[in-house]
Amino acid sequence: MKRYLIIVEQTETGFSAYPPDLPGCVGTGRTRDEVEANMREAVEFHIEGLRLEGLPVPEPTSGPAFVEVAA
């Protein structure tokens, strides 16, 4: 089992997300829970497509980090 970081962003109509390690893979949802569920399916589908095309599946290398700044 591999763990891919997804970046979740709030939009005017809900949420969007993408995994930095899987270019071209994106998902949307009305709620954060929905976009996370949709991204799980999108990542699985994306990896399946790469395998069917005989392309390498990128290893997950991205990880979270936060910085604090004065507002």
PDB file of N, CA and C in Angstrom:
ATOM      1  N   MET A   1       0.850  -1.172   0.000  1.00  0.00           N
ATOM      2  CA  MET A   1       0.000   0.000   0.000  1.00  0.00           C
ATOM      3  C   MET A   1       0.900   1.242   0.000  1.00  0.00           C
ATOM      4  N   LYS A   2       0.596   2.183  -0.895  1.00  0.00           N
ATOM      5  CA  LYS A   2       1.349   3.435  -0.977  1.00  0.00           C
ATOM      6  C   LYS A   2       0.458   4.586  -0.542  1.00  0.00           C
ATOM      7  N   ARG A   3       1.084   5.608   0.038  1.00  0.00           N
ATOM      8  CA  ARG A   3       0.346   6.796   0.487  1.00  0.00           C
ATOM      9  C   ARG A   3       0.800   7.995  -0.341  1.00  0.00           C
ATOM     10  N   TYR A   4      -0.136   8.567  -1.111  1.00  0.00           N
ATOM     11  CA  TYR A   4       0.153   9.746  -1.906  1.00  0.00           C
ATOM     12  C   TYR A   4      -0.447  10.969  -1.224  1.00  0.00           C
ATOM     13  N   LEU A   5       0.363  12.001  -1.076  1.00  0.00           N
ATOM     14  CA  LEU A   5      -0.103  13.272  -0.558  1.00  0.00           C
ATOM     15  C   LEU A   5      -1.050  13.885  -1.571  1.00  0.00           C
ATOM     16  N   ILE A   6      -2.183  14.422  -1.107  1.00  0.00           N
ATOM     17  CA  ILE A   6      -3.044  15.213  -1.979  1.00  0.00           C
ATOM     18  C   ILE A   6      -3.141  16.618  -1.392  1.00  0.00           C
ATOM     19  N   ILE A   7      -3.154  17.596  -2.283  1.00  0.00           N
ATOM     20  CA  ILE A   7      -3.328  18.988  -1.908  1.00  0.00           C
ATOM     21  C   ILE A   7      -4.797  19.320  -2.129  1.00  0.00           C
ATOM     22  N   VAL A   8      -5.477  19.759  -1.080  1.00  0.00           N
ATOM     23  CA  VAL A   8      -6.900  20.087  -1.150  1.00  0.00           C
ATOM     24  C   VAL A   8      -7.032  21.603  -1.077  1.00  0.00           C
ATOM     25  N   GLU A   9      -7.785  22.167  -2.017  1.00  0.00           N
ATOM     26  CA  GLU A   9      -8.005  23.608  -2.059  1.00  0.00           C
ATOM     27  C   GLU A   9      -9.493  23.902  -2.100  1.00  0.00           C
ATOM     28  N   GLN A  10      -9.907  24.874  -1.315  1.00  0.00           N
ATOM     29  CA  GLN A  10     -11.309  25.286  -1.340  1.00  0.00           C
ATOM     30  C   GLN A  10     -11.529  26.210  -2.532  1.00  0.00           C
ATOM     31  N   THR A  11     -12.652  26.007  -3.226  1.00  0.00           N
ATOM     32  CA  THR A  11     -13.004  26.828  -4.370  1.00  0.00           C
ATOM     33  C   THR A  11     -14.333  27.527  -4.091  1.00  0.00           C
ATOM     34  N   GLU A  12     -14.798  28.303  -5.028  1.00  0.00           N
ATOM     35  CA  GLU A  12     -16.085  28.984  -4.850  1.00  0.00           C
ATOM     36  C   GLU A  12     -17.249  28.007  -4.809  1.00  0.00           C
ATOM     37  N   THR A  13     -17.080  26.844  -5.421  1.00  0.00           N
ATOM     38  CA  THR A  13     -18.180  25.881  -5.508  1.00  0.00           C
ATOM     39  C   THR A  13     -17.958  24.604  -4.708  1.00  0.00           C
ATOM     40  N   GLY A  14     -16.860  24.509  -3.994  1.00  0.00           N
ATOM     41  CA  GLY A  14     -16.583  23.301  -3.220  1.00  0.00           C
ATOM     42  C   GLY A  14     -15.098  23.146  -2.982  1.00  0.00           C
ATOM     43  N   PHE A  15     -14.560  22.003  -3.413  1.00  0.00           N
ATOM     44  CA  PHE A  15     -13.146  21.701  -3.195  1.00  0.00           C
ATOM     45  C   PHE A  15     -12.555  21.045  -4.437  1.00  0.00           C
ATOM     46  N   SER A  16     -11.274  21.252  -4.631  1.00  0.00           N
ATOM     47  CA  SER A  16     -10.530  20.536  -5.668  1.00  0.00           C
ATOM     48  C   SER A  16      -9.274  19.985  -5.018  1.00  0.00           C
ATOM     49  N   ALA A  17      -8.673  18.985  -5.669  1.00  0.00           N
ATOM     50  CA  ALA A  17      -7.484  18.367  -5.092  1.00  0.00           C
ATOM     51  C   ALA A  17      -6.637  17.748  -6.197  1.00  0.00           C
ATOM     52  N   TYR A  18      -5.348  17.576  -5.864  1.00  0.00           N
ATOM     53  CA  TYR A  18      -4.430  16.911  -6.782  1.00  0.00           C
ATOM     54  C   TYR A  18      -3.274  16.322  -5.975  1.00  0.00           C
ATOM     55  N   PRO A  19      -2.687  15.230  -6.465  1.00  0.00           N
ATOM     56  CA  PRO A  19      -1.490  14.663  -5.838  1.00  0.00           C
ATOM     57  C   PRO A  19      -0.243  15.155  -6.585  1.00  0.00           C
ATOM     58  N   PRO A  20       0.671  15.863  -5.940  1.00  0.00           N
ATOM     59  CA  PRO A  20       1.861  16.374  -6.632  1.00  0.00           C
ATOM     60  C   PRO A  20       2.694  15.288  -7.320  1.00  0.00           C
ATOM     61  N   ASP A  21       2.640  14.076  -6.826  1.00  0.00           N
ATOM     62  CA  ASP A  21       3.452  13.003  -7.384  1.00  0.00           C
ATOM     63  C   ASP A  21       2.813  12.315  -8.590  1.00  0.00           C
ATOM     64  N   LEU A  22       1.568  12.683  -8.921  1.00  0.00           N
ATOM     65  CA  LEU A  22       0.872  12.075 -10.057  1.00  0.00           C
ATOM     66  C   LEU A  22       0.333  13.178 -10.969  1.00  0.00           C
ATOM     67  N   PRO A  23       1.187  13.793 -11.770  1.00  0.00           N
ATOM     68  CA  PRO A  23       0.749  14.881 -12.649  1.00  0.00           C
ATOM     69  C   PRO A  23      -0.430  14.466 -13.526  1.00  0.00           C
ATOM     70  N   GLY A  24      -1.400  15.357 -13.638  1.00  0.00           N
ATOM     71  CA  GLY A  24      -2.575  15.102 -14.463  1.00  0.00           C
ATOM     72  C   GLY A  24      -3.730  14.477 -13.724  1.00  0.00           C
ATOM     73  N   CYS A  25      -3.532  14.086 -12.502  1.00  0.00           N
ATOM     74  CA  CYS A  25      -4.587  13.477 -11.695  1.00  0.00           C
ATOM     75  C   CYS A  25      -5.228  14.564 -10.838  1.00  0.00           C
ATOM     76  N   VAL A  26      -6.538  14.761 -11.002  1.00  0.00           N
ATOM     77  CA  VAL A  26      -7.250  15.796 -10.249  1.00  0.00           C
ATOM     78  C   VAL A  26      -8.612  15.270  -9.823  1.00  0.00           C
ATOM     79  N   GLY A  27      -9.202  15.953  -8.863  1.00  0.00           N
ATOM     80  CA  GLY A  27     -10.542  15.602  -8.419  1.00  0.00           C
ATOM     81  C   GLY A  27     -11.236  16.799  -7.815  1.00  0.00           C
ATOM     82  N   THR A  28     -12.558  16.713  -7.746  1.00  0.00           N
ATOM     83  CA  THR A  28     -13.356  17.775  -7.150  1.00  0.00           C
ATOM     84  C   THR A  28     -14.439  17.166  -6.275  1.00  0.00           C
ATOM     85  N   GLY A  29     -15.051  18.008  -5.463  1.00  0.00           N
ATOM     86  CA  GLY A  29     -16.159  17.574  -4.626  1.00  0.00           C
ATOM     87  C   GLY A  29     -16.827  18.772  -3.974  1.00  0.00           C
ATOM     88  N   ARG A  30     -18.059  18.593  -3.568  1.00  0.00           N
ATOM     89  CA  ARG A  30     -18.786  19.683  -2.897  1.00  0.00           C
ATOM     90  C   ARG A  30     -18.295  19.893  -1.474  1.00  0.00           C
ATOM     91  N   THR A  31     -17.803  18.806  -0.841  1.00  0.00           N
ATOM     92  CA  THR A  31     -17.308  18.891   0.526  1.00  0.00           C
ATOM     93  C   THR A  31     -15.888  18.335   0.576  1.00  0.00           C
ATOM     94  N   ARG A  32     -15.206  18.608   1.678  1.00  0.00           N
ATOM     95  CA  ARG A  32     -13.845  18.071   1.834  1.00  0.00           C
ATOM     96  C   ARG A  32     -13.873  16.540   1.850  1.00  0.00           C
ATOM     97  N   ASP A  33     -14.833  15.960   2.557  1.00  0.00           N
ATOM     98  CA  ASP A  33     -14.940  14.499   2.588  1.00  0.00           C
ATOM     99  C   ASP A  33     -15.169  13.932   1.191  1.00  0.00           C
ATOM    100  N   GLU A  34     -16.006  14.608   0.412  1.00  0.00           N
ATOM    101  CA  GLU A  34     -16.315  14.132  -0.937  1.00  0.00           C
ATOM    102  C   GLU A  34     -15.083  14.210  -1.844  1.00  0.00           C
ATOM    103  N   VAL A  35     -14.336  15.316  -1.766  1.00  0.00           N
ATOM    104  CA  VAL A  35     -13.159  15.431  -2.626  1.00  0.00           C
ATOM    105  C   VAL A  35     -12.100  14.405  -2.216  1.00  0.00           C
ATOM    106  N   GLU A  36     -11.973  14.118  -0.949  1.00  0.00           N
ATOM    107  CA  GLU A  36     -11.008  13.102  -0.516  1.00  0.00           C
ATOM    108  C   GLU A  36     -11.408  11.720  -1.035  1.00  0.00           C
ATOM    109  N   ALA A  37     -12.692  11.387  -0.959  1.00  0.00           N
ATOM    110  CA  ALA A  37     -13.168  10.106  -1.484  1.00  0.00           C
ATOM    111  C   ALA A  37     -12.976  10.047  -2.993  1.00  0.00           C
ATOM    112  N   ASN A  38     -13.288  11.139  -3.675  1.00  0.00           N
ATOM    113  CA  ASN A  38     -13.113  11.176  -5.122  1.00  0.00           C
ATOM    114  C   ASN A  38     -11.645  11.049  -5.508  1.00  0.00           C
ATOM    115  N   MET A  39     -10.760  11.637  -4.715  1.00  0.00           N
ATOM    116  CA  MET A  39      -9.336  11.543  -5.006  1.00  0.00           C
ATOM    117  C   MET A  39      -8.808  10.130  -4.803  1.00  0.00           C
ATOM    118  N   ARG A  40      -9.332   9.430  -3.842  1.00  0.00           N
ATOM    119  CA  ARG A  40      -8.916   8.035  -3.647  1.00  0.00           C
ATOM    120  C   ARG A  40      -9.210   7.248  -4.932  1.00  0.00           C
ATOM    121  N   GLU A  41     -10.416   7.432  -5.470  1.00  0.00           N
ATOM    122  CA  GLU A  41     -10.797   6.753  -6.705  1.00  0.00           C
ATOM    123  C   GLU A  41      -9.954   7.250  -7.879  1.00  0.00           C
ATOM    124  N   ALA A  42      -9.708   8.565  -7.950  1.00  0.00           N
ATOM    125  CA  ALA A  42      -8.937   9.140  -9.053  1.00  0.00           C
ATOM    126  C   ALA A  42      -7.505   8.621  -9.056  1.00  0.00           C
ATOM    127  N   VAL A  43      -6.895   8.525  -7.887  1.00  0.00           N
ATOM    128  CA  VAL A  43      -5.518   8.028  -7.795  1.00  0.00           C
ATOM    129  C   VAL A  43      -5.469   6.562  -8.225  1.00  0.00           C
ATOM    130  N   GLU A  44      -6.409   5.756  -7.754  1.00  0.00           N
ATOM    131  CA  GLU A  44      -6.445   4.348  -8.154  1.00  0.00           C
ATOM    132  C   GLU A  44      -6.623   4.217  -9.665  1.00  0.00           C
ATOM    133  N   PHE A  45      -7.527   5.008 -10.242  1.00  0.00           N
ATOM    134  CA  PHE A  45      -7.793   4.977 -11.673  1.00  0.00           C
ATOM    135  C   PHE A  45      -6.569   5.437 -12.458  1.00  0.00           C
ATOM    136  N   HIS A  46      -5.923   6.490 -11.989  1.00  0.00           N
ATOM    137  CA  HIS A  46      -4.732   7.030 -12.644  1.00  0.00           C
ATOM    138  C   HIS A  46      -3.610   5.989 -12.666  1.00  0.00           C
ATOM    139  N   ILE A  47      -3.366   5.353 -11.537  1.00  0.00           N
ATOM    140  CA  ILE A  47      -2.316   4.335 -11.459  1.00  0.00           C
ATOM    141  C   ILE A  47      -2.653   3.143 -12.352  1.00  0.00           C
ATOM    142  N   GLU A  48      -3.912   2.742 -12.361  1.00  0.00           N
ATOM    143  CA  GLU A  48      -4.328   1.641 -13.230  1.00  0.00           C
ATOM    144  C   GLU A  48      -4.064   1.994 -14.696  1.00  0.00           C
ATOM    145  N   GLY A  49      -4.373   3.239 -15.083  1.00  0.00           N
ATOM    146  CA  GLY A  49      -4.128   3.682 -16.449  1.00  0.00           C
ATOM    147  C   GLY A  49      -2.650   3.666 -16.799  1.00  0.00           C
ATOM    148  N   LEU A  50      -1.808   4.123 -15.883  1.00  0.00           N
ATOM    149  CA  LEU A  50      -0.365   4.083 -16.124  1.00  0.00           C
ATOM    150  C   LEU A  50       0.105   2.652 -16.353  1.00  0.00           C
ATOM    151  N   ARG A  51      -0.358   1.741 -15.530  1.00  0.00           N
ATOM    152  CA  ARG A  51       0.046   0.336 -15.655  1.00  0.00           C
ATOM    153  C   ARG A  51      -0.421  -0.266 -16.977  1.00  0.00           C
ATOM    154  N   LEU A  52      -1.658   0.037 -17.371  1.00  0.00           N
ATOM    155  CA  LEU A  52      -2.183  -0.486 -18.631  1.00  0.00           C
ATOM    156  C   LEU A  52      -1.395   0.035 -19.835  1.00  0.00           C
ATOM    157  N   GLU A  53      -0.886   1.245 -19.724  1.00  0.00           N
ATOM    158  CA  GLU A  53      -0.088   1.831 -20.802  1.00  0.00           C
ATOM    159  C   GLU A  53       1.384   1.399 -20.741  1.00  0.00           C
ATOM    160  N   GLY A  54       1.732   0.628 -19.723  1.00  0.00           N
ATOM    161  CA  GLY A  54       3.111   0.181 -19.572  1.00  0.00           C
ATOM    162  C   GLY A  54       4.044   1.276 -19.095  1.00  0.00           C
ATOM    163  N   LEU A  55       3.484   2.300 -18.464  1.00  0.00           N
ATOM    164  CA  LEU A  55       4.279   3.419 -17.965  1.00  0.00           C
ATOM    165  C   LEU A  55       4.628   3.204 -16.497  1.00  0.00           C
ATOM    166  N   PRO A  56       5.724   3.787 -16.042  1.00  0.00           N
ATOM    167  CA  PRO A  56       6.095   3.632 -14.628  1.00  0.00           C
ATOM    168  C   PRO A  56       5.132   4.389 -13.715  1.00  0.00           C
ATOM    169  N   VAL A  57       4.888   3.818 -12.572  1.00  0.00           N
ATOM    170  CA  VAL A  57       4.061   4.472 -11.554  1.00  0.00           C
ATOM    171  C   VAL A  57       5.003   5.225 -10.618  1.00  0.00           C
ATOM    172  N   PRO A  58       4.886   6.560 -10.562  1.00  0.00           N
ATOM    173  CA  PRO A  58       5.778   7.336  -9.693  1.00  0.00           C
ATOM    174  C   PRO A  58       5.637   6.944  -8.223  1.00  0.00           C
ATOM    175  N   GLU A  59       6.750   6.867  -7.559  1.00  0.00           N
ATOM    176  CA  GLU A  59       6.739   6.620  -6.120  1.00  0.00           C
ATOM    177  C   GLU A  59       6.277   7.900  -5.408  1.00  0.00           C
ATOM    178  N   PRO A  60       5.552   7.752  -4.315  1.00  0.00           N
ATOM    179  CA  PRO A  60       5.191   8.941  -3.547  1.00  0.00           C
ATOM    180  C   PRO A  60       6.430   9.518  -2.864  1.00  0.00           C
ATOM    181  N   THR A  61       6.717  10.780  -3.132  1.00  0.00           N
ATOM    182  CA  THR A  61       7.877  11.430  -2.519  1.00  0.00           C
ATOM    183  C   THR A  61       7.506  12.719  -1.805  1.00  0.00           C
ATOM    184  N   SER A  62       6.317  13.252  -2.076  1.00  0.00           N
ATOM    185  CA  SER A  62       5.901  14.513  -1.451  1.00  0.00           C
ATOM    186  C   SER A  62       5.404  14.268  -0.040  1.00  0.00           C
ATOM    187  N   GLY A  63       5.610  15.255   0.806  1.00  0.00           N
ATOM    188  CA  GLY A  63       5.139  15.176   2.184  1.00  0.00           C
ATOM    189  C   GLY A  63       4.772  16.554   2.684  1.00  0.00           C
ATOM    190  N   PRO A  64       3.977  16.613   3.724  1.00  0.00           N
ATOM    191  CA  PRO A  64       3.522  17.904   4.224  1.00  0.00           C
ATOM    192  C   PRO A  64       4.595  18.613   5.035  1.00  0.00           C
ATOM    193  N   ALA A  65       4.563  19.918   4.956  1.00  0.00           N
ATOM    194  CA  ALA A  65       5.391  20.781   5.804  1.00  0.00           C
ATOM    195  C   ALA A  65       4.659  22.104   5.892  1.00  0.00           C
ATOM    196  N   PHE A  66       4.745  22.729   7.026  1.00  0.00           N
ATOM    197  CA  PHE A  66       4.076  24.008   7.242  1.00  0.00           C
ATOM    198  C   PHE A  66       5.091  25.018   7.750  1.00  0.00           C
ATOM    199  N   VAL A  67       4.858  26.274   7.420  1.00  0.00           N
ATOM    200  CA  VAL A  67       5.686  27.355   7.947  1.00  0.00           C
ATOM    201  C   VAL A  67       4.766  28.353   8.618  1.00  0.00           C
ATOM    202  N   GLU A  68       5.242  28.933   9.692  1.00  0.00           N
ATOM    203  CA  GLU A  68       4.476  29.972  10.385  1.00  0.00           C
ATOM    204  C   GLU A  68       5.086  31.325  10.066  1.00  0.00           C
ATOM    205  N   VAL A  69       4.208  32.277   9.770  1.00  0.00           N
ATOM    206  CA  VAL A  69       4.648  33.636   9.483  1.00  0.00           C
ATOM    207  C   VAL A  69       3.743  34.606  10.230  1.00  0.00           C
ATOM    208  N   ALA A  70       4.265  35.769  10.532  1.00  0.00           N
ATOM    209  CA  ALA A  70       3.425  36.792  11.158  1.00  0.00           C
ATOM    210  C   ALA A  70       2.411  37.291  10.158  1.00  0.00           C
ATOM    211  N   ALA A  71       1.182  37.361  10.565  1.00  0.00           N
ATOM    212  CA  ALA A  71       0.126  37.811   9.658  1.00  0.00           C
ATOM    213  C   ALA A  71      -0.058  39.308   9.726  1.00  0.00           C
TER     214      ALA A  71
END
